[in-house]
Amino acid sequence: MNLKFINNKETKNEKKQIWMYALILFTGAFIVLLLTAYSQVKFQNNISDYQNKLSYQEKAKINAVTDFNSAVKENKRLKSELDALRNKLVESEAQLASEEGKATDIETKYNNYTGAADLLVKAQAAFIKGDYVSCAVTLKYDINTTYLNAGTVKLYNELAEECYSKASLLLYREGYKEYKKKNYSTAILNLTRSIEFSKKNEYYIDDAYYYMANSFYKTTDFEGTKRIIGEFLINCPKSSFTKDMKALERKIDG
């Protein structure tokens, strides 16, 4: 009886221990399951976060590339517009320079034409006053007949025809006076102009050559002397001064 009782008690104890082990095992398994589930969830979250981060970085890279490409295109567009503006500016400057050049040419021509006309009026006024030398000098040395029109050219020729011979004689007389005063440079100037204004057949022209040649000789300008003697021999071959002029030439050569 006692032995059987002991066995039942032991059996109960064994069953109790088995349930305890089972409970512990179940609890442990449940905890492990919870931990595993938590880890899985955490892992999934981490994966999701990582993926999100990767997605954000990829988007950022794509945006950066897109922005860079857009910036390159915009830069090319702006450069093209800038080049076009520069070309237009160069063309505008060239056109402006051309127009300014035309304006300058027109202004120059205007000044030349008006200047020639003003000088002709000045010469006419001198002629009216009887100042034939000033009239002749202005006509011959100051006025460019290229800038005179048909009407003013006619006036120019009429004045020249009237005053040149008168001025030539006056200049010869002044040149001779200066020669006598030994003002040889002034004598040369007046006698030179006297010959230039003359028709080369006036009675005093050989005299003008003679005194001018001697004026050059007096100033030791022997080249000038020989030049005037040469012109004299051509223009006044029958002059009474021919013998004296040739003698003067031999004096220089000898």
C-alpha atoms as a PDB file:
ATOM      1  CA  MET A   1       0.000   0.000   0.000  1.00  0.00           C
ATOM      2  CA  ASN A   2       2.704   2.405   0.946  1.00  0.00           C
ATOM      3  CA  LEU A   3       4.741   1.622  -2.138  1.00  0.00           C
ATOM      4  CA  LYS A   4       1.890   2.351  -4.461  1.00  0.00           C
ATOM      5  CA  PHE A   5       1.220   5.599  -2.798  1.00  0.00           C
ATOM      6  CA  ILE A   6       4.789   6.630  -3.231  1.00  0.00           C
ATOM      7  CA  ASN A   7       4.635   5.873  -6.924  1.00  0.00           C
ATOM      8  CA  ASN A   8       1.572   8.016  -7.436  1.00  0.00           C
ATOM      9  CA  LYS A   9       3.186  10.858  -5.647  1.00  0.00           C
ATOM     10  CA  GLU A  10       6.280  10.568  -7.742  1.00  0.00           C
ATOM     11  CA  THR A  11       4.158  10.412 -10.845  1.00  0.00           C
ATOM     12  CA  LYS A  12       2.423  13.614  -9.858  1.00  0.00           C
ATOM     13  CA  ASN A  13       5.708  15.264  -9.188  1.00  0.00           C
ATOM     14  CA  GLU A  14       7.027  14.162 -12.558  1.00  0.00           C
ATOM     15  CA  LYS A  15       3.933  15.466 -14.300  1.00  0.00           C
ATOM     16  CA  LYS A  16       4.266  18.710 -12.424  1.00  0.00           C
ATOM     17  CA  GLN A  17       7.894  19.049 -13.479  1.00  0.00           C
ATOM     18  CA  ILE A  18       7.020  18.249 -17.091  1.00  0.00           C
ATOM     19  CA  TRP A  19       4.398  21.000 -17.113  1.00  0.00           C
ATOM     20  CA  MET A  20       6.838  23.379 -15.564  1.00  0.00           C
ATOM     21  CA  TYR A  21       9.450  22.517 -18.170  1.00  0.00           C
ATOM     22  CA  ALA A  22       6.849  22.795 -20.861  1.00  0.00           C
ATOM     23  CA  LEU A  23       5.740  26.164 -19.535  1.00  0.00           C
ATOM     24  CA  ILE A  24       9.325  27.344 -19.324  1.00  0.00           C
ATOM     25  CA  LEU A  25      10.007  26.004 -22.790  1.00  0.00           C
ATOM     26  CA  PHE A  26       6.855  27.579 -24.168  1.00  0.00           C
ATOM     27  CA  THR A  27       7.625  30.867 -22.453  1.00  0.00           C
ATOM     28  CA  GLY A  28      11.181  30.793 -23.754  1.00  0.00           C
ATOM     29  CA  ALA A  29       9.988  29.924 -27.203  1.00  0.00           C
ATOM     30  CA  PHE A  30       7.439  32.702 -27.026  1.00  0.00           C
ATOM     31  CA  ILE A  31      10.098  35.155 -25.921  1.00  0.00           C
ATOM     32  CA  VAL A  32      12.424  33.977 -28.670  1.00  0.00           C
ATOM     33  CA  LEU A  33       9.568  34.324 -31.124  1.00  0.00           C
ATOM     34  CA  LEU A  34       8.865  37.833 -29.860  1.00  0.00           C
ATOM     35  CA  LEU A  35      12.514  38.747 -30.081  1.00  0.00           C
ATOM     36  CA  THR A  36      12.734  37.256 -33.548  1.00  0.00           C
ATOM     37  CA  ALA A  37       9.644  39.112 -34.646  1.00  0.00           C
ATOM     38  CA  TYR A  38      10.972  42.339 -33.143  1.00  0.00           C
ATOM     39  CA  SER A  39      14.312  41.820 -34.821  1.00  0.00           C
ATOM     40  CA  GLN A  40      12.546  41.078 -38.108  1.00  0.00           C
ATOM     41  CA  VAL A  41      10.454  44.200 -37.787  1.00  0.00           C
ATOM     42  CA  LYS A  42      13.491  46.261 -36.864  1.00  0.00           C
ATOM     43  CA  PHE A  43      15.425  44.747 -39.735  1.00  0.00           C
ATOM     44  CA  GLN A  44      12.593  45.515 -42.127  1.00  0.00           C
ATOM     45  CA  ASN A  45      12.432  49.060 -40.794  1.00  0.00           C
ATOM     46  CA  ASN A  46      16.163  49.434 -41.237  1.00  0.00           C
ATOM     47  CA  ILE A  47      15.901  48.043 -44.751  1.00  0.00           C
ATOM     48  CA  SER A  48      13.060  50.428 -45.467  1.00  0.00           C
ATOM     49  CA  ASP A  49      15.000  53.366 -44.040  1.00  0.00           C
ATOM     50  CA  TYR A  50      18.048  52.361 -46.046  1.00  0.00           C
ATOM     51  CA  GLN A  51      15.982  52.041 -49.167  1.00  0.00           C
ATOM     52  CA  ASN A  52      14.422  55.406 -48.493  1.00  0.00           C
ATOM     53  CA  LYS A  53      17.841  56.891 -48.002  1.00  0.00           C
ATOM     54  CA  LEU A  54      19.084  55.285 -51.193  1.00  0.00           C
ATOM     55  CA  SER A  55      16.006  56.490 -53.025  1.00  0.00           C
ATOM     56  CA  TYR A  56      16.537  60.028 -51.727  1.00  0.00           C
ATOM     57  CA  GLN A  57      20.215  59.948 -52.703  1.00  0.00           C
ATOM     58  CA  GLU A  58      19.386  58.608 -56.141  1.00  0.00           C
ATOM     59  CA  LYS A  59      16.741  61.297 -56.565  1.00  0.00           C
ATOM     60  CA  ALA A  60      19.245  63.872 -55.409  1.00  0.00           C
ATOM     61  CA  LYS A  61      21.787  62.537 -57.908  1.00  0.00           C
ATOM     62  CA  ILE A  62      19.217  62.565 -60.693  1.00  0.00           C
ATOM     63  CA  ASN A  63      18.137  66.069 -59.737  1.00  0.00           C
ATOM     64  CA  ALA A  64      21.759  67.183 -59.605  1.00  0.00           C
ATOM     65  CA  VAL A  65      22.467  65.709 -63.040  1.00  0.00           C
ATOM     66  CA  THR A  66      19.262  67.212 -64.390  1.00  0.00           C
ATOM     67  CA  ASP A  67      20.101  70.597 -62.868  1.00  0.00           C
ATOM     68  CA  PHE A  68      23.663  70.423 -64.269  1.00  0.00           C
ATOM     69  CA  ASN A  69      22.424  69.540 -67.750  1.00  0.00           C
ATOM     70  CA  SER A  70      19.873  72.325 -67.547  1.00  0.00           C
ATOM     71  CA  ALA A  71      22.579  74.716 -66.398  1.00  0.00           C
ATOM     72  CA  VAL A  72      24.819  73.658 -69.311  1.00  0.00           C
ATOM     73  CA  LYS A  73      21.992  74.156 -71.793  1.00  0.00           C
ATOM     74  CA  GLU A  74      21.121  77.524 -70.266  1.00  0.00           C
ATOM     75  CA  ASN A  75      24.757  78.543 -70.348  1.00  0.00           C
ATOM     76  CA  LYS A  76      24.995  77.602 -74.044  1.00  0.00           C
ATOM     77  CA  ARG A  77      21.811  79.534 -74.772  1.00  0.00           C
ATOM     78  CA  LEU A  78      23.060  82.607 -72.929  1.00  0.00           C
ATOM     79  CA  LYS A  79      26.453  82.371 -74.657  1.00  0.00           C
ATOM     80  CA  SER A  80      24.738  82.144 -78.030  1.00  0.00           C
ATOM     81  CA  GLU A  81      22.633  85.214 -77.236  1.00  0.00           C
ATOM     82  CA  LEU A  82      25.723  87.058 -75.986  1.00  0.00           C
ATOM     83  CA  ASP A  83      27.648  86.219 -79.168  1.00  0.00           C
ATOM     84  CA  ALA A  84      24.701  87.406 -81.249  1.00  0.00           C
ATOM     85  CA  LEU A  85      24.576  90.673 -79.314  1.00  0.00           C
ATOM     86  CA  ARG A  86      28.323  91.132 -79.733  1.00  0.00           C
ATOM     87  CA  ASN A  87      28.045  90.571 -83.470  1.00  0.00           C
ATOM     88  CA  LYS A  88      25.212  93.093 -83.672  1.00  0.00           C
ATOM     89  CA  LEU A  89      27.295  95.538 -81.656  1.00  0.00           C
ATOM     90  CA  VAL A  90      30.273  95.085 -83.987  1.00  0.00           C
ATOM     91  CA  GLU A  91      28.027  95.564 -87.013  1.00  0.00           C
ATOM     92  CA  SER A  92      26.466  98.636 -85.436  1.00  0.00           C
ATOM     93  CA  GLU A  93      29.885 100.096 -84.623  1.00  0.00           C
ATOM     94  CA  ALA A  94      31.088  99.407 -88.173  1.00  0.00           C
ATOM     95  CA  GLN A  95      27.974 101.027 -89.613  1.00  0.00           C
ATOM     96  CA  LEU A  96      28.352 103.972 -87.253  1.00  0.00           C
ATOM     97  CA  ALA A  97      32.000 104.372 -88.245  1.00  0.00           C
ATOM     98  CA  SER A  98      30.987 104.240 -91.904  1.00  0.00           C
ATOM     99  CA  GLU A  99      28.293 106.862 -91.387  1.00  0.00           C
ATOM    100  CA  GLU A 100      30.704 109.027 -89.406  1.00  0.00           C
ATOM    101  CA  GLY A 101      33.228 108.674 -92.228  1.00  0.00           C
ATOM    102  CA  LYS A 102      30.610 109.722 -94.761  1.00  0.00           C
ATOM    103  CA  ALA A 103      29.610 112.650 -92.573  1.00  0.00           C
ATOM    104  CA  THR A 104      33.259 113.670 -92.243  1.00  0.00           C
ATOM    105  CA  ASP A 105      33.730 113.476 -96.005  1.00  0.00           C
ATOM    106  CA  ILE A 106      30.636 115.569 -96.576  1.00  0.00           C
ATOM    107  CA  GLU A 107      31.775 118.096 -93.984  1.00  0.00           C
ATOM    108  CA  THR A 108      35.258 118.224 -95.540  1.00  0.00           C
ATOM    109  CA  LYS A 109      33.826 118.750 -99.009  1.00  0.00           C
ATOM    110  CA  TYR A 110      31.471 121.406 -97.684  1.00  0.00           C
ATOM    111  CA  ASN A 111      34.348 123.216 -95.984  1.00  0.00           C
ATOM    112  CA  ASN A 112      36.467 122.944 -99.128  1.00  0.00           C
ATOM    113  CA  TYR A 113      33.712 124.307-101.366  1.00  0.00           C
ATOM    114  CA  THR A 114      32.729 127.094 -99.002  1.00  0.00           C
ATOM    115  CA  GLY A 115      36.395 127.880 -98.308  1.00  0.00           C
ATOM    116  CA  ALA A 116      37.159 128.189-102.013  1.00  0.00           C
ATOM    117  CA  ALA A 117      34.095 130.374-102.532  1.00  0.00           C
ATOM    118  CA  ASP A 118      35.064 132.617 -99.599  1.00  0.00           C
ATOM    119  CA  LEU A 119      38.595 133.009-100.965  1.00  0.00           C
ATOM    120  CA  LEU A 120      37.220 133.906-104.374  1.00  0.00           C
ATOM    121  CA  VAL A 121      35.087 136.616-102.773  1.00  0.00           C
ATOM    122  CA  LYS A 122      38.214 137.826-100.959  1.00  0.00           C
ATOM    123  CA  ALA A 123      40.156 137.961-104.237  1.00  0.00           C
ATOM    124  CA  GLN A 124      37.333 139.845-105.928  1.00  0.00           C
ATOM    125  CA  ALA A 125      37.246 142.369-103.093  1.00  0.00           C
ATOM    126  CA  ALA A 126      41.011 142.911-103.406  1.00  0.00           C
ATOM    127  CA  PHE A 127      40.676 143.412-107.151  1.00  0.00           C
ATOM    128  CA  ILE A 128      37.921 146.005-106.654  1.00  0.00           C
ATOM    129  CA  LYS A 129      40.211 147.888-104.243  1.00  0.00           C
ATOM    130  CA  GLY A 130      43.013 147.853-106.799  1.00  0.00           C
ATOM    131  CA  ASP A 131      45.149 145.455-104.755  1.00  0.00           C
ATOM    132  CA  TYR A 132      46.061 143.335-107.758  1.00  0.00           C
ATOM    133  CA  VAL A 133      48.932 141.542-106.055  1.00  0.00           C
ATOM    134  CA  SER A 134      46.743 140.256-103.181  1.00  0.00           C
ATOM    135  CA  CYS A 135      44.070 139.258-105.692  1.00  0.00           C
ATOM    136  CA  ALA A 136      46.588 137.361-107.841  1.00  0.00           C
ATOM    137  CA  VAL A 137      48.261 135.661-104.861  1.00  0.00           C
ATOM    138  CA  THR A 138      44.898 134.491-103.497  1.00  0.00           C
ATOM    139  CA  LEU A 139      43.788 133.191-106.882  1.00  0.00           C
ATOM    140  CA  LYS A 140      47.000 131.346-107.725  1.00  0.00           C
ATOM    141  CA  TYR A 141      48.212 130.034-104.384  1.00  0.00           C
ATOM    142  CA  ASP A 142      45.205 129.855-102.059  1.00  0.00           C
ATOM    143  CA  ILE A 143      42.234 128.689-104.123  1.00  0.00           C
ATOM    144  CA  ASN A 144      41.842 125.072-105.210  1.00  0.00           C
ATOM    145  CA  THR A 145      39.799 125.365-108.399  1.00  0.00           C
ATOM    146  CA  THR A 146      38.628 121.749-107.966  1.00  0.00           C
ATOM    147  CA  TYR A 147      36.106 123.028-105.429  1.00  0.00           C
ATOM    148  CA  LEU A 148      34.673 125.750-107.673  1.00  0.00           C
ATOM    149  CA  ASN A 149      31.473 125.196-109.631  1.00  0.00           C
ATOM    150  CA  ALA A 150      30.915 126.338-113.204  1.00  0.00           C
ATOM    151  CA  GLY A 151      29.750 129.813-112.211  1.00  0.00           C
ATOM    152  CA  THR A 152      32.578 130.498-109.777  1.00  0.00           C
ATOM    153  CA  VAL A 153      35.196 129.068-112.179  1.00  0.00           C
ATOM    154  CA  LYS A 154      34.100 131.657-114.729  1.00  0.00           C
ATOM    155  CA  LEU A 155      34.553 134.451-112.180  1.00  0.00           C
ATOM    156  CA  TYR A 156      37.924 133.001-111.204  1.00  0.00           C
ATOM    157  CA  ASN A 157      39.171 133.014-114.797  1.00  0.00           C
ATOM    158  CA  GLU A 158      37.921 136.550-115.395  1.00  0.00           C
ATOM    159  CA  LEU A 159      39.695 137.848-112.295  1.00  0.00           C
ATOM    160  CA  ALA A 160      42.904 135.996-113.208  1.00  0.00           C
ATOM    161  CA  GLU A 161      42.839 137.424-116.721  1.00  0.00           C
ATOM    162  CA  GLU A 162      42.391 140.955-115.369  1.00  0.00           C
ATOM    163  CA  CYS A 163      44.758 140.976-112.433  1.00  0.00           C
ATOM    164  CA  TYR A 164      47.659 138.627-113.264  1.00  0.00           C
ATOM    165  CA  SER A 165      49.393 140.967-115.718  1.00  0.00           C
ATOM    166  CA  LYS A 166      48.886 143.974-113.438  1.00  0.00           C
ATOM    167  CA  ALA A 167      50.192 142.030-110.444  1.00  0.00           C
ATOM    168  CA  SER A 168      53.179 140.759-112.460  1.00  0.00           C
ATOM    169  CA  LEU A 169      54.330 144.289-113.332  1.00  0.00           C
ATOM    170  CA  LEU A 170      53.836 145.522-109.773  1.00  0.00           C
ATOM    171  CA  LEU A 171      55.796 142.581-108.376  1.00  0.00           C
ATOM    172  CA  TYR A 172      58.643 143.170-110.837  1.00  0.00           C
ATOM    173  CA  ARG A 173      58.940 146.784-109.709  1.00  0.00           C
ATOM    174  CA  GLU A 174      58.879 145.745-106.047  1.00  0.00           C
ATOM    175  CA  GLY A 175      61.452 143.041-106.715  1.00  0.00           C
ATOM    176  CA  TYR A 176      63.769 145.466-108.478  1.00  0.00           C
ATOM    177  CA  LYS A 177      63.487 147.930-105.561  1.00  0.00           C
ATOM    178  CA  GLU A 178      64.379 145.193-103.071  1.00  0.00           C
ATOM    179  CA  TYR A 179      67.315 144.143-105.257  1.00  0.00           C
ATOM    180  CA  LYS A 180      68.661 147.691-105.208  1.00  0.00           C
ATOM    181  CA  LYS A 181      68.252 147.709-101.426  1.00  0.00           C
ATOM    182  CA  LYS A 182      70.229 144.422-101.304  1.00  0.00           C
ATOM    183  CA  ASN A 183      67.227 142.649 -99.783  1.00  0.00           C
ATOM    184  CA  TYR A 184      67.916 139.700-102.034  1.00  0.00           C
ATOM    185  CA  SER A 185      65.562 137.162-100.416  1.00  0.00           C
ATOM    186  CA  THR A 186      62.599 139.524-100.757  1.00  0.00           C
ATOM    187  CA  ALA A 187      63.703 140.428-104.259  1.00  0.00           C
ATOM    188  CA  ILE A 188      63.780 136.718-105.228  1.00  0.00           C
ATOM    189  CA  LEU A 189      60.248 136.194-103.871  1.00  0.00           C
ATOM    190  CA  ASN A 190      58.754 139.177-105.729  1.00  0.00           C
ATOM    191  CA  LEU A 191      60.601 138.512-108.979  1.00  0.00           C
ATOM    192  CA  THR A 192      59.635 134.812-108.887  1.00  0.00           C
ATOM    193  CA  ARG A 193      55.976 135.695-108.531  1.00  0.00           C
ATOM    194  CA  SER A 194      56.282 138.371-111.184  1.00  0.00           C
ATOM    195  CA  ILE A 195      57.441 135.730-113.674  1.00  0.00           C
ATOM    196  CA  GLU A 196      54.769 133.234-112.556  1.00  0.00           C
ATOM    197  CA  PHE A 197      51.939 135.761-113.059  1.00  0.00           C
ATOM    198  CA  SER A 198      53.284 136.952-116.391  1.00  0.00           C
ATOM    199  CA  LYS A 199      52.573 135.604-119.873  1.00  0.00           C
ATOM    200  CA  LYS A 200      56.353 135.326-120.406  1.00  0.00           C
ATOM    201  CA  ASN A 201      56.266 137.873-123.245  1.00  0.00           C
ATOM    202  CA  GLU A 202      56.133 141.096-121.239  1.00  0.00           C
ATOM    203  CA  TYR A 203      59.018 143.476-121.909  1.00  0.00           C
ATOM    204  CA  TYR A 204      60.349 143.321-118.359  1.00  0.00           C
ATOM    205  CA  ILE A 205      60.516 139.505-117.964  1.00  0.00           C
ATOM    206  CA  ASP A 206      64.152 139.199-119.059  1.00  0.00           C
ATOM    207  CA  ASP A 207      64.977 141.930-116.545  1.00  0.00           C
ATOM    208  CA  ALA A 208      63.188 139.947-113.847  1.00  0.00           C
ATOM    209  CA  TYR A 209      65.252 136.841-114.690  1.00  0.00           C
ATOM    210  CA  TYR A 210      68.481 138.840-114.698  1.00  0.00           C
ATOM    211  CA  TYR A 211      67.950 140.455-111.298  1.00  0.00           C
ATOM    212  CA  MET A 212      66.697 137.213-109.794  1.00  0.00           C
ATOM    213  CA  ALA A 213      69.750 135.269-111.027  1.00  0.00           C
ATOM    214  CA  ASN A 214      72.032 137.915-109.528  1.00  0.00           C
ATOM    215  CA  SER A 215      70.060 137.838-106.262  1.00  0.00           C
ATOM    216  CA  PHE A 216      70.655 134.077-106.001  1.00  0.00           C
ATOM    217  CA  TYR A 217      74.337 134.649-106.797  1.00  0.00           C
ATOM    218  CA  LYS A 218      74.629 137.340-104.109  1.00  0.00           C
ATOM    219  CA  THR A 219      73.246 134.893-101.529  1.00  0.00           C
ATOM    220  CA  THR A 220      75.779 132.254-102.754  1.00  0.00           C
ATOM    221  CA  ASP A 221      72.917 129.998-103.931  1.00  0.00           C
ATOM    222  CA  PHE A 222      74.747 128.935-107.071  1.00  0.00           C
ATOM    223  CA  GLU A 223      72.376 126.083-107.855  1.00  0.00           C
ATOM    224  CA  GLY A 224      69.484 128.546-107.810  1.00  0.00           C
ATOM    225  CA  THR A 225      71.523 130.894-110.003  1.00  0.00           C
ATOM    226  CA  LYS A 226      72.175 128.222-112.638  1.00  0.00           C
ATOM    227  CA  ARG A 227      68.529 127.134-112.594  1.00  0.00           C
ATOM    228  CA  ILE A 228      67.318 130.699-113.293  1.00  0.00           C
ATOM    229  CA  ILE A 229      69.916 131.164-116.034  1.00  0.00           C
ATOM    230  CA  GLY A 230      68.669 127.972-117.682  1.00  0.00           C
ATOM    231  CA  GLU A 231      65.046 129.167-117.586  1.00  0.00           C
ATOM    232  CA  PHE A 232      66.120 132.578-118.899  1.00  0.00           C
ATOM    233  CA  LEU A 233      67.922 131.073-121.907  1.00  0.00           C
ATOM    234  CA  ILE A 234      64.793 129.094-122.782  1.00  0.00           C
ATOM    235  CA  ASN A 235      62.207 131.847-122.291  1.00  0.00           C
ATOM    236  CA  CYS A 236      64.239 134.880-123.363  1.00  0.00           C
ATOM    237  CA  PRO A 237      66.667 133.692-126.053  1.00  0.00           C
ATOM    238  CA  LYS A 238      66.872 137.121-127.760  1.00  0.00           C
ATOM    239  CA  SER A 239      67.346 139.215-124.605  1.00  0.00           C
ATOM    240  CA  SER A 240      70.102 141.782-124.337  1.00  0.00           C
ATOM    241  CA  PHE A 241      71.025 140.156-121.013  1.00  0.00           C
ATOM    242  CA  THR A 242      72.009 136.871-122.649  1.00  0.00           C
ATOM    243  CA  LYS A 243      75.736 137.710-122.757  1.00  0.00           C
ATOM    244  CA  ASP A 244      75.767 138.788-119.113  1.00  0.00           C
ATOM    245  CA  MET A 245      73.823 135.720-117.970  1.00  0.00           C
ATOM    246  CA  LYS A 246      76.223 133.350-119.739  1.00  0.00           C
ATOM    247  CA  ALA A 247      79.150 135.202-118.205  1.00  0.00           C
ATOM    248  CA  LEU A 248      77.598 134.772-114.780  1.00  0.00           C
ATOM    249  CA  GLU A 249      77.196 131.060-115.459  1.00  0.00           C
ATOM    250  CA  ARG A 250      80.892 130.742-116.452  1.00  0.00           C
ATOM    251  CA  LYS A 251      81.860 132.560-113.280  1.00  0.00           C
ATOM    252  CA  ILE A 252      80.049 129.904-111.243  1.00  0.00           C
ATOM    253  CA  ASP A 253      81.534 127.028-113.217  1.00  0.00           C
ATOM    254  CA  GLY A 254      85.024 128.492-113.253  1.00  0.00           C
END
